Structures are given as C-alpha cells and as structure tokens.
Amino acid sequence: MENSTTPEAVLLAYQGVRSRTLAILESLSDEQGELLVPACPAWTIRDLTCHLYGVVDDIFEGRIEGAGSDPWTAAQLERHREFTLGQLCEAWSQSAERFDGVLLHIPSPVNLRIVMDQATHEHDLRHALGRFGAQTSDAISLGTTWLLQSLSNGDPVFAEELAQVGASPFEMFRALGGRRSRRQLEELGFADEAFAARLAGSPISVPEHDLIEEFAQ
C-alpha cells in the first residue's frame, strides 16, 4: 500500500485515530469502561484509555525510557488509576493541540510507531465493542510501514517475504501487530512459527486464540 510518511501525513493519520477513538470512548458509560478488551486480555477499556492518554502524557513529561515495555504501560495505568473514563477522555482531548505540535517534530520512525500503537488500540477497542470500521484509514498503512521496518531491522529478507504475503492491508496490519493467532497467520500465508520466533522478546506476541474482526471500511 502506498502512503506518505511526511510529518504532516503522520499527524493527519494520528488525528484521525484520536478523533475516532475519542468519539467511541465518549459514548460509553463508566460502567462500560470496565468491559474487558479481548485483544489486551489484562486490560479493561478504561485501562486501554489510560494507555492511550498515558502515551501523550509521558511524551510531554519526557518519560520515554522503556517505551512500549510492560513496566512503562503499567506505570501509565497506576498514574491514572483514579481517573474515570470521562476524565481520561477530557484530558486526552484537551492535550490535542499541544500534542499535535509536538508530534510534527518527532522524527521518523518514532512518529510512525506512535501511530501504529494508537491505531492498534483503536481496533482493539472496536473489537471489544463490536463497532468495526476505519479499516482502510491512513493509520493502517503507516502502522504497517513501521511494523515491517522494525522486522526488517532484524531480518530484511524475512520482512520482505512477509511484505509479499497476499493478505489485505488491514489483515496484514493486525497480523504484524500480534492480533492474529498461529492458525490465522497460517491461513493468511505467514510462516507462523518463524514469525512468532522473531517476535520473541518484543512487546508484540502471537495470541493463543483467534481474534475475529468483521470487515468495515
């Protein structure tokens, strides 16, 4: 999939993710915020929102050491554990203008990683609620670009092989992001054992159970 990775294009993709995700979250009650997110089995929707806003807050405060690790995300949840879902949404929304200015100056590929992470969790949220959509957004292609680049850093030949798999752009994005089981990976044409081995030691892993998402643009 062709896409632009200019700072402006990355910002637009992130803004789309934020706008769509906030629209969903703001429609939920605090009780619904306690629903579990199957793609992130240790998290509720409120926990997921702690992370989404927590990324922004951590960048503002310079807390980037260990970014993406379990301790880093656990600290985000602990830091905002007294916030309601509504308060988290308000804080994330109010941070938008400031963060947009910051994101424009975050270099590639770090800015792509941010879009990948946030888009991944947009679709984790959609899956949890059965509200499928936005599967052809620019964030999908930009996130896939980062995921393939990351794999290429370790094994460019294997990354190129994955890039040639005939999966749809959305299925490719979700598979590379650790949201497809080994059975699903095999169906998509991935070398599932080899792929799982290359994810070892990273924050991304292959889930044990299938994650089914209806197609919806």
C-alpha atoms as a PDB file:
ATOM      1  CA  MET A   1       0.000   0.000   0.000  1.00  0.00           C
ATOM      2  CA  GLU A   2       1.403   3.368  -0.983  1.00  0.00           C
ATOM      3  CA  ASN A   3       1.469   6.066   1.658  1.00  0.00           C
ATOM      4  CA  SER A   4       3.244   9.256   2.570  1.00  0.00           C
ATOM      5  CA  THR A   5       5.361   9.339   5.692  1.00  0.00           C
ATOM      6  CA  THR A   6       5.843  13.098   5.806  1.00  0.00           C
ATOM      7  CA  PRO A   7       5.366  14.635   9.273  1.00  0.00           C
ATOM      8  CA  GLU A   8       2.132  16.216   8.080  1.00  0.00           C
ATOM      9  CA  ALA A   9       0.754  12.894   6.800  1.00  0.00           C
ATOM     10  CA  VAL A  10       1.676  11.155  10.039  1.00  0.00           C
ATOM     11  CA  LEU A  11      -0.047  13.893  12.044  1.00  0.00           C
ATOM     12  CA  LEU A  12      -3.224  13.604   9.966  1.00  0.00           C
ATOM     13  CA  ALA A  13      -3.266   9.850  10.488  1.00  0.00           C
ATOM     14  CA  TYR A  14      -2.822  10.263  14.237  1.00  0.00           C
ATOM     15  CA  GLN A  15      -5.521  12.928  14.405  1.00  0.00           C
ATOM     16  CA  GLY A  16      -7.907  10.544  12.656  1.00  0.00           C
ATOM     17  CA  VAL A  17      -7.182   7.787  15.161  1.00  0.00           C
ATOM     18  CA  ARG A  18      -7.638  10.136  18.106  1.00  0.00           C
ATOM     19  CA  SER A  19     -10.872  11.618  16.778  1.00  0.00           C
ATOM     20  CA  ARG A  20     -12.439   8.252  16.025  1.00  0.00           C
ATOM     21  CA  THR A  21     -11.303   6.665  19.270  1.00  0.00           C
ATOM     22  CA  LEU A  22     -12.486   9.554  21.416  1.00  0.00           C
ATOM     23  CA  ALA A  23     -15.870   9.526  19.674  1.00  0.00           C
ATOM     24  CA  ILE A  24     -16.299   5.891  20.693  1.00  0.00           C
ATOM     25  CA  LEU A  25     -14.975   6.331  24.223  1.00  0.00           C
ATOM     26  CA  GLU A  26     -17.063   9.424  24.918  1.00  0.00           C
ATOM     27  CA  SER A  27     -20.198   7.473  24.000  1.00  0.00           C
ATOM     28  CA  LEU A  28     -19.559   4.944  26.774  1.00  0.00           C
ATOM     29  CA  SER A  29     -20.581   4.980  30.420  1.00  0.00           C
ATOM     30  CA  ASP A  30     -18.077   4.454  33.201  1.00  0.00           C
ATOM     31  CA  GLU A  31     -19.633   1.012  33.659  1.00  0.00           C
ATOM     32  CA  GLN A  32     -18.897   0.151  30.042  1.00  0.00           C
ATOM     33  CA  GLY A  33     -15.359   1.346  30.666  1.00  0.00           C
ATOM     34  CA  GLU A  34     -14.905  -1.714  32.860  1.00  0.00           C
ATOM     35  CA  LEU A  35     -15.534  -4.120  29.979  1.00  0.00           C
ATOM     36  CA  LEU A  36     -12.550  -6.306  29.149  1.00  0.00           C
ATOM     37  CA  VAL A  37     -10.594  -5.837  25.911  1.00  0.00           C
ATOM     38  CA  PRO A  38     -10.040  -9.345  24.459  1.00  0.00           C
ATOM     39  CA  ALA A  39      -7.049  -8.247  22.360  1.00  0.00           C
ATOM     40  CA  CYS A  40      -5.407  -6.888  25.536  1.00  0.00           C
ATOM     41  CA  PRO A  41      -6.663  -9.516  27.994  1.00  0.00           C
ATOM     42  CA  ALA A  42      -5.251  -7.868  31.103  1.00  0.00           C
ATOM     43  CA  TRP A  43      -6.945  -4.535  30.347  1.00  0.00           C
ATOM     44  CA  THR A  44     -10.394  -3.019  30.583  1.00  0.00           C
ATOM     45  CA  ILE A  45     -11.495  -0.253  28.229  1.00  0.00           C
ATOM     46  CA  ARG A  46     -10.613   2.274  30.933  1.00  0.00           C
ATOM     47  CA  ASP A  47      -7.144   0.717  31.248  1.00  0.00           C
ATOM     48  CA  LEU A  48      -6.731   0.965  27.493  1.00  0.00           C
ATOM     49  CA  THR A  49      -7.667   4.636  27.673  1.00  0.00           C
ATOM     50  CA  CYS A  50      -5.123   5.155  30.454  1.00  0.00           C
ATOM     51  CA  HIS A  51      -2.502   3.945  27.998  1.00  0.00           C
ATOM     52  CA  LEU A  52      -3.758   5.994  25.047  1.00  0.00           C
ATOM     53  CA  TYR A  53      -3.672   9.200  27.058  1.00  0.00           C
ATOM     54  CA  GLY A  54      -0.637   7.982  29.002  1.00  0.00           C
ATOM     55  CA  VAL A  55       1.490   7.933  25.848  1.00  0.00           C
ATOM     56  CA  VAL A  56       0.739  11.611  25.313  1.00  0.00           C
ATOM     57  CA  ASP A  57       1.361  12.479  28.955  1.00  0.00           C
ATOM     58  CA  ASP A  58       4.634  10.550  29.045  1.00  0.00           C
ATOM     59  CA  ILE A  59       5.914  12.310  25.931  1.00  0.00           C
ATOM     60  CA  PHE A  60       5.059  15.680  27.470  1.00  0.00           C
ATOM     61  CA  GLU A  61       6.903  14.758  30.659  1.00  0.00           C
ATOM     62  CA  GLY A  62       9.861  13.077  28.956  1.00  0.00           C
ATOM     63  CA  ARG A  63       9.091   9.637  30.401  1.00  0.00           C
ATOM     64  CA  ILE A  64      10.193   7.698  27.326  1.00  0.00           C
ATOM     65  CA  GLU A  65      12.734   5.273  28.759  1.00  0.00           C
ATOM     66  CA  GLY A  66      11.402   1.751  28.314  1.00  0.00           C
ATOM     67  CA  ALA A  67       8.640   2.933  25.985  1.00  0.00           C
ATOM     68  CA  GLY A  68       6.415   0.056  24.970  1.00  0.00           C
ATOM     69  CA  SER A  69       7.520  -2.218  27.792  1.00  0.00           C
ATOM     70  CA  ASP A  70       5.178  -3.761  30.348  1.00  0.00           C
ATOM     71  CA  PRO A  71       6.583  -1.644  33.232  1.00  0.00           C
ATOM     72  CA  TRP A  72       6.136   1.526  31.167  1.00  0.00           C
ATOM     73  CA  THR A  73       2.477   0.818  30.411  1.00  0.00           C
ATOM     74  CA  ALA A  74       1.841  -0.429  33.956  1.00  0.00           C
ATOM     75  CA  ALA A  75       3.067   2.929  35.270  1.00  0.00           C
ATOM     76  CA  GLN A  76       0.588   4.717  33.000  1.00  0.00           C
ATOM     77  CA  LEU A  77      -2.283   2.712  34.441  1.00  0.00           C
ATOM     78  CA  GLU A  78      -1.120   3.314  38.003  1.00  0.00           C
ATOM     79  CA  ARG A  79      -0.607   7.021  37.416  1.00  0.00           C
ATOM     80  CA  HIS A  80      -4.170   7.461  36.202  1.00  0.00           C
ATOM     81  CA  ARG A  81      -5.941   4.788  38.219  1.00  0.00           C
ATOM     82  CA  GLU A  82      -8.174   7.338  39.987  1.00  0.00           C
ATOM     83  CA  PHE A  83      -9.388   8.855  36.705  1.00  0.00           C
ATOM     84  CA  THR A  84     -12.830   7.961  35.412  1.00  0.00           C
ATOM     85  CA  LEU A  85     -13.240   7.120  31.740  1.00  0.00           C
ATOM     86  CA  GLY A  86     -14.780  10.529  31.183  1.00  0.00           C
ATOM     87  CA  GLN A  87     -11.877  12.298  32.877  1.00  0.00           C
ATOM     88  CA  LEU A  88      -9.375  10.397  30.765  1.00  0.00           C
ATOM     89  CA  CYS A  89     -11.222  11.368  27.597  1.00  0.00           C
ATOM     90  CA  GLU A  90     -11.314  15.001  28.678  1.00  0.00           C
ATOM     91  CA  ALA A  91      -7.582  15.031  29.450  1.00  0.00           C
ATOM     92  CA  TRP A  92      -6.739  13.406  26.116  1.00  0.00           C
ATOM     93  CA  SER A  93      -8.975  15.810  24.218  1.00  0.00           C
ATOM     94  CA  GLN A  94      -7.553  18.862  25.978  1.00  0.00           C
ATOM     95  CA  SER A  95      -3.999  17.732  25.168  1.00  0.00           C
ATOM     96  CA  ALA A  96      -4.700  17.564  21.438  1.00  0.00           C
ATOM     97  CA  GLU A  97      -3.493  20.945  20.232  1.00  0.00           C
ATOM     98  CA  ARG A  98      -0.278  20.795  22.238  1.00  0.00           C
ATOM     99  CA  PHE A  99       0.471  17.214  21.241  1.00  0.00           C
ATOM    100  CA  ASP A 100      -0.130  17.888  17.550  1.00  0.00           C
ATOM    101  CA  GLY A 101       2.606  20.499  17.650  1.00  0.00           C
ATOM    102  CA  VAL A 102       4.949  18.060  19.362  1.00  0.00           C
ATOM    103  CA  LEU A 103       4.185  15.178  17.003  1.00  0.00           C
ATOM    104  CA  LEU A 104       5.107  17.264  13.968  1.00  0.00           C
ATOM    105  CA  HIS A 105       8.655  17.411  15.336  1.00  0.00           C
ATOM    106  CA  ILE A 106       9.030  13.803  16.447  1.00  0.00           C
ATOM    107  CA  PRO A 107      11.289  12.180  13.840  1.00  0.00           C
ATOM    108  CA  SER A 108      10.561   9.101  11.798  1.00  0.00           C
ATOM    109  CA  PRO A 109      10.267   6.218  12.577  1.00  0.00           C
ATOM    110  CA  VAL A 110       9.285   7.137  16.153  1.00  0.00           C
ATOM    111  CA  ASN A 111       6.252   9.082  14.944  1.00  0.00           C
ATOM    112  CA  LEU A 112       5.181   6.055  12.889  1.00  0.00           C
ATOM    113  CA  ARG A 113       5.482   3.871  15.969  1.00  0.00           C
ATOM    114  CA  ILE A 114       3.101   6.187  17.839  1.00  0.00           C
ATOM    115  CA  VAL A 115       0.526   5.946  15.046  1.00  0.00           C
ATOM    116  CA  MET A 116       0.941   2.161  14.904  1.00  0.00           C
ATOM    117  CA  ASP A 117       0.358   1.808  18.646  1.00  0.00           C
ATOM    118  CA  GLN A 118      -2.638   4.108  18.765  1.00  0.00           C
ATOM    119  CA  ALA A 119      -4.238   2.574  15.650  1.00  0.00           C
ATOM    120  CA  THR A 120      -3.707  -0.912  17.069  1.00  0.00           C
ATOM    121  CA  HIS A 121      -5.618   0.061  20.174  1.00  0.00           C
ATOM    122  CA  GLU A 122      -8.352   1.834  18.201  1.00  0.00           C
ATOM    123  CA  HIS A 123      -9.124  -1.523  16.644  1.00  0.00           C
ATOM    124  CA  ASP A 124      -8.699  -3.386  19.925  1.00  0.00           C
ATOM    125  CA  LEU A 125     -11.419  -1.097  21.279  1.00  0.00           C
ATOM    126  CA  ARG A 126     -13.614  -1.576  18.225  1.00  0.00           C
ATOM    127  CA  HIS A 127     -13.267  -5.341  18.545  1.00  0.00           C
ATOM    128  CA  ALA A 128     -14.195  -5.255  22.236  1.00  0.00           C
ATOM    129  CA  LEU A 129     -17.405  -3.380  21.422  1.00  0.00           C
ATOM    130  CA  GLY A 130     -18.207  -4.893  18.038  1.00  0.00           C
ATOM    131  CA  ARG A 131     -18.015  -1.448  16.446  1.00  0.00           C
ATOM    132  CA  PHE A 132     -15.914  -2.275  13.407  1.00  0.00           C
ATOM    133  CA  GLY A 133     -14.756   0.387  10.959  1.00  0.00           C
ATOM    134  CA  ALA A 134     -11.890   2.613   9.776  1.00  0.00           C
ATOM    135  CA  GLN A 135     -10.064  -0.429   8.415  1.00  0.00           C
ATOM    136  CA  THR A 136      -8.795   1.448   5.370  1.00  0.00           C
ATOM    137  CA  SER A 137      -7.533   4.557   7.194  1.00  0.00           C
ATOM    138  CA  ASP A 138      -4.100   6.030   6.534  1.00  0.00           C
ATOM    139  CA  ALA A 139      -3.083   4.914  10.024  1.00  0.00           C
ATOM    140  CA  ILE A 140      -3.280   1.278   8.871  1.00  0.00           C
ATOM    141  CA  SER A 141      -0.745   1.759   6.090  1.00  0.00           C
ATOM    142  CA  LEU A 142       1.561   3.909   8.219  1.00  0.00           C
ATOM    143  CA  GLY A 143       1.412   1.429  11.080  1.00  0.00           C
ATOM    144  CA  THR A 144       2.220  -1.422   8.713  1.00  0.00           C
ATOM    145  CA  THR A 145       5.179   0.547   7.382  1.00  0.00           C
ATOM    146  CA  TRP A 146       6.619   0.811  10.898  1.00  0.00           C
ATOM    147  CA  LEU A 147       5.974  -2.841  11.713  1.00  0.00           C
ATOM    148  CA  LEU A 148       7.716  -4.032   8.548  1.00  0.00           C
ATOM    149  CA  GLN A 149      10.606  -1.641   9.104  1.00  0.00           C
ATOM    150  CA  SER A 150      11.022  -2.939  12.624  1.00  0.00           C
ATOM    151  CA  LEU A 151      11.134  -6.540  11.412  1.00  0.00           C
ATOM    152  CA  SER A 152      13.489  -5.562   8.607  1.00  0.00           C
ATOM    153  CA  ASN A 153      15.988  -4.201  11.098  1.00  0.00           C
ATOM    154  CA  GLY A 154      16.439  -7.754  12.384  1.00  0.00           C
ATOM    155  CA  ASP A 155      15.927  -9.759   9.208  1.00  0.00           C
ATOM    156  CA  PRO A 156      15.357  -7.822   5.964  1.00  0.00           C
ATOM    157  CA  VAL A 157      14.865 -10.962   3.871  1.00  0.00           C
ATOM    158  CA  PHE A 158      12.145 -12.276   6.174  1.00  0.00           C
ATOM    159  CA  ALA A 159      10.477  -8.855   6.325  1.00  0.00           C
ATOM    160  CA  GLU A 160      10.392  -8.722   2.535  1.00  0.00           C
ATOM    161  CA  GLU A 161       8.826 -12.185   2.438  1.00  0.00           C
ATOM    162  CA  LEU A 162       6.109 -11.013   4.818  1.00  0.00           C
ATOM    163  CA  ALA A 163       5.505  -7.896   2.731  1.00  0.00           C
ATOM    164  CA  GLN A 164       4.687 -10.160  -0.222  1.00  0.00           C
ATOM    165  CA  VAL A 165       2.042 -12.164   1.644  1.00  0.00           C
ATOM    166  CA  GLY A 166      -1.267 -11.691  -0.138  1.00  0.00           C
ATOM    167  CA  ALA A 167      -3.247 -10.534   2.896  1.00  0.00           C
ATOM    168  CA  SER A 168      -5.480  -7.481   2.847  1.00  0.00           C
ATOM    169  CA  PRO A 169      -3.881  -4.297   4.239  1.00  0.00           C
ATOM    170  CA  PHE A 170      -5.956  -4.497   7.418  1.00  0.00           C
ATOM    171  CA  GLU A 171      -5.240  -8.192   7.981  1.00  0.00           C
ATOM    172  CA  MET A 172      -1.540  -7.515   7.408  1.00  0.00           C
ATOM    173  CA  PHE A 173      -1.587  -4.712   9.963  1.00  0.00           C
ATOM    174  CA  ARG A 174      -3.350  -6.795  12.585  1.00  0.00           C
ATOM    175  CA  ALA A 175      -1.199  -9.853  11.946  1.00  0.00           C
ATOM    176  CA  LEU A 176       2.077  -7.934  12.167  1.00  0.00           C
ATOM    177  CA  GLY A 177       0.793  -6.237  15.317  1.00  0.00           C
ATOM    178  CA  GLY A 178       0.205  -9.505  17.150  1.00  0.00           C
ATOM    179  CA  ARG A 179      -3.569  -9.682  16.746  1.00  0.00           C
ATOM    180  CA  ARG A 180      -3.820 -12.945  14.812  1.00  0.00           C
ATOM    181  CA  SER A 181      -3.350 -16.474  16.181  1.00  0.00           C
ATOM    182  CA  ARG A 182      -0.973 -19.000  14.654  1.00  0.00           C
ATOM    183  CA  ARG A 183      -3.904 -20.652  12.925  1.00  0.00           C
ATOM    184  CA  GLN A 184      -4.975 -17.331  11.457  1.00  0.00           C
ATOM    185  CA  LEU A 185      -1.392 -16.495  10.455  1.00  0.00           C
ATOM    186  CA  GLU A 186      -1.127 -19.781   8.600  1.00  0.00           C
ATOM    187  CA  GLU A 187      -4.385 -19.068   6.772  1.00  0.00           C
ATOM    188  CA  LEU A 188      -3.044 -15.663   5.744  1.00  0.00           C
ATOM    189  CA  GLY A 189       0.100 -17.249   4.325  1.00  0.00           C
ATOM    190  CA  PHE A 190       2.527 -16.362   7.121  1.00  0.00           C
ATOM    191  CA  ALA A 191       5.288 -18.707   8.227  1.00  0.00           C
ATOM    192  CA  ASP A 192       3.670 -18.703  11.642  1.00  0.00           C
ATOM    193  CA  GLU A 193       6.438 -20.442  13.607  1.00  0.00           C
ATOM    194  CA  ALA A 194       9.139 -18.241  12.122  1.00  0.00           C
ATOM    195  CA  PHE A 195       7.077 -15.104  12.679  1.00  0.00           C
ATOM    196  CA  ALA A 196       6.351 -15.972  16.314  1.00  0.00           C
ATOM    197  CA  ALA A 197      10.055 -16.628  16.898  1.00  0.00           C
ATOM    198  CA  ARG A 198      11.023 -13.222  15.527  1.00  0.00           C
ATOM    199  CA  LEU A 199       8.581 -11.515  17.883  1.00  0.00           C
ATOM    200  CA  ALA A 200      10.129 -13.190  20.924  1.00  0.00           C
ATOM    201  CA  GLY A 201      11.434 -10.596  23.344  1.00  0.00           C
ATOM    202  CA  SER A 202       9.366  -7.777  21.819  1.00  0.00           C
ATOM    203  CA  PRO A 203       6.198  -6.217  23.268  1.00  0.00           C
ATOM    204  CA  ILE A 204       4.273  -7.918  20.430  1.00  0.00           C
ATOM    205  CA  SER A 205       3.392 -11.601  20.608  1.00  0.00           C
ATOM    206  CA  VAL A 206       1.145 -14.091  18.836  1.00  0.00           C
ATOM    207  CA  PRO A 207      -2.101 -14.707  20.780  1.00  0.00           C
ATOM    208  CA  GLU A 208      -3.294 -18.191  21.571  1.00  0.00           C
ATOM    209  CA  HIS A 209      -6.865 -17.620  20.454  1.00  0.00           C
ATOM    210  CA  ASP A 210      -8.362 -16.348  17.195  1.00  0.00           C
ATOM    211  CA  LEU A 211      -9.372 -12.705  17.059  1.00  0.00           C
ATOM    212  CA  ILE A 212     -12.157 -12.231  14.510  1.00  0.00           C
ATOM    213  CA  GLU A 213     -12.947  -8.790  13.128  1.00  0.00           C
ATOM    214  CA  GLU A 214     -15.691  -8.081  10.609  1.00  0.00           C
ATOM    215  CA  PHE A 215     -14.648  -6.018   7.635  1.00  0.00           C
ATOM    216  CA  ALA A 216     -15.994  -2.485   7.726  1.00  0.00           C
ATOM    217  CA  GLN A 217     -14.405   0.470   5.989  1.00  0.00           C
END
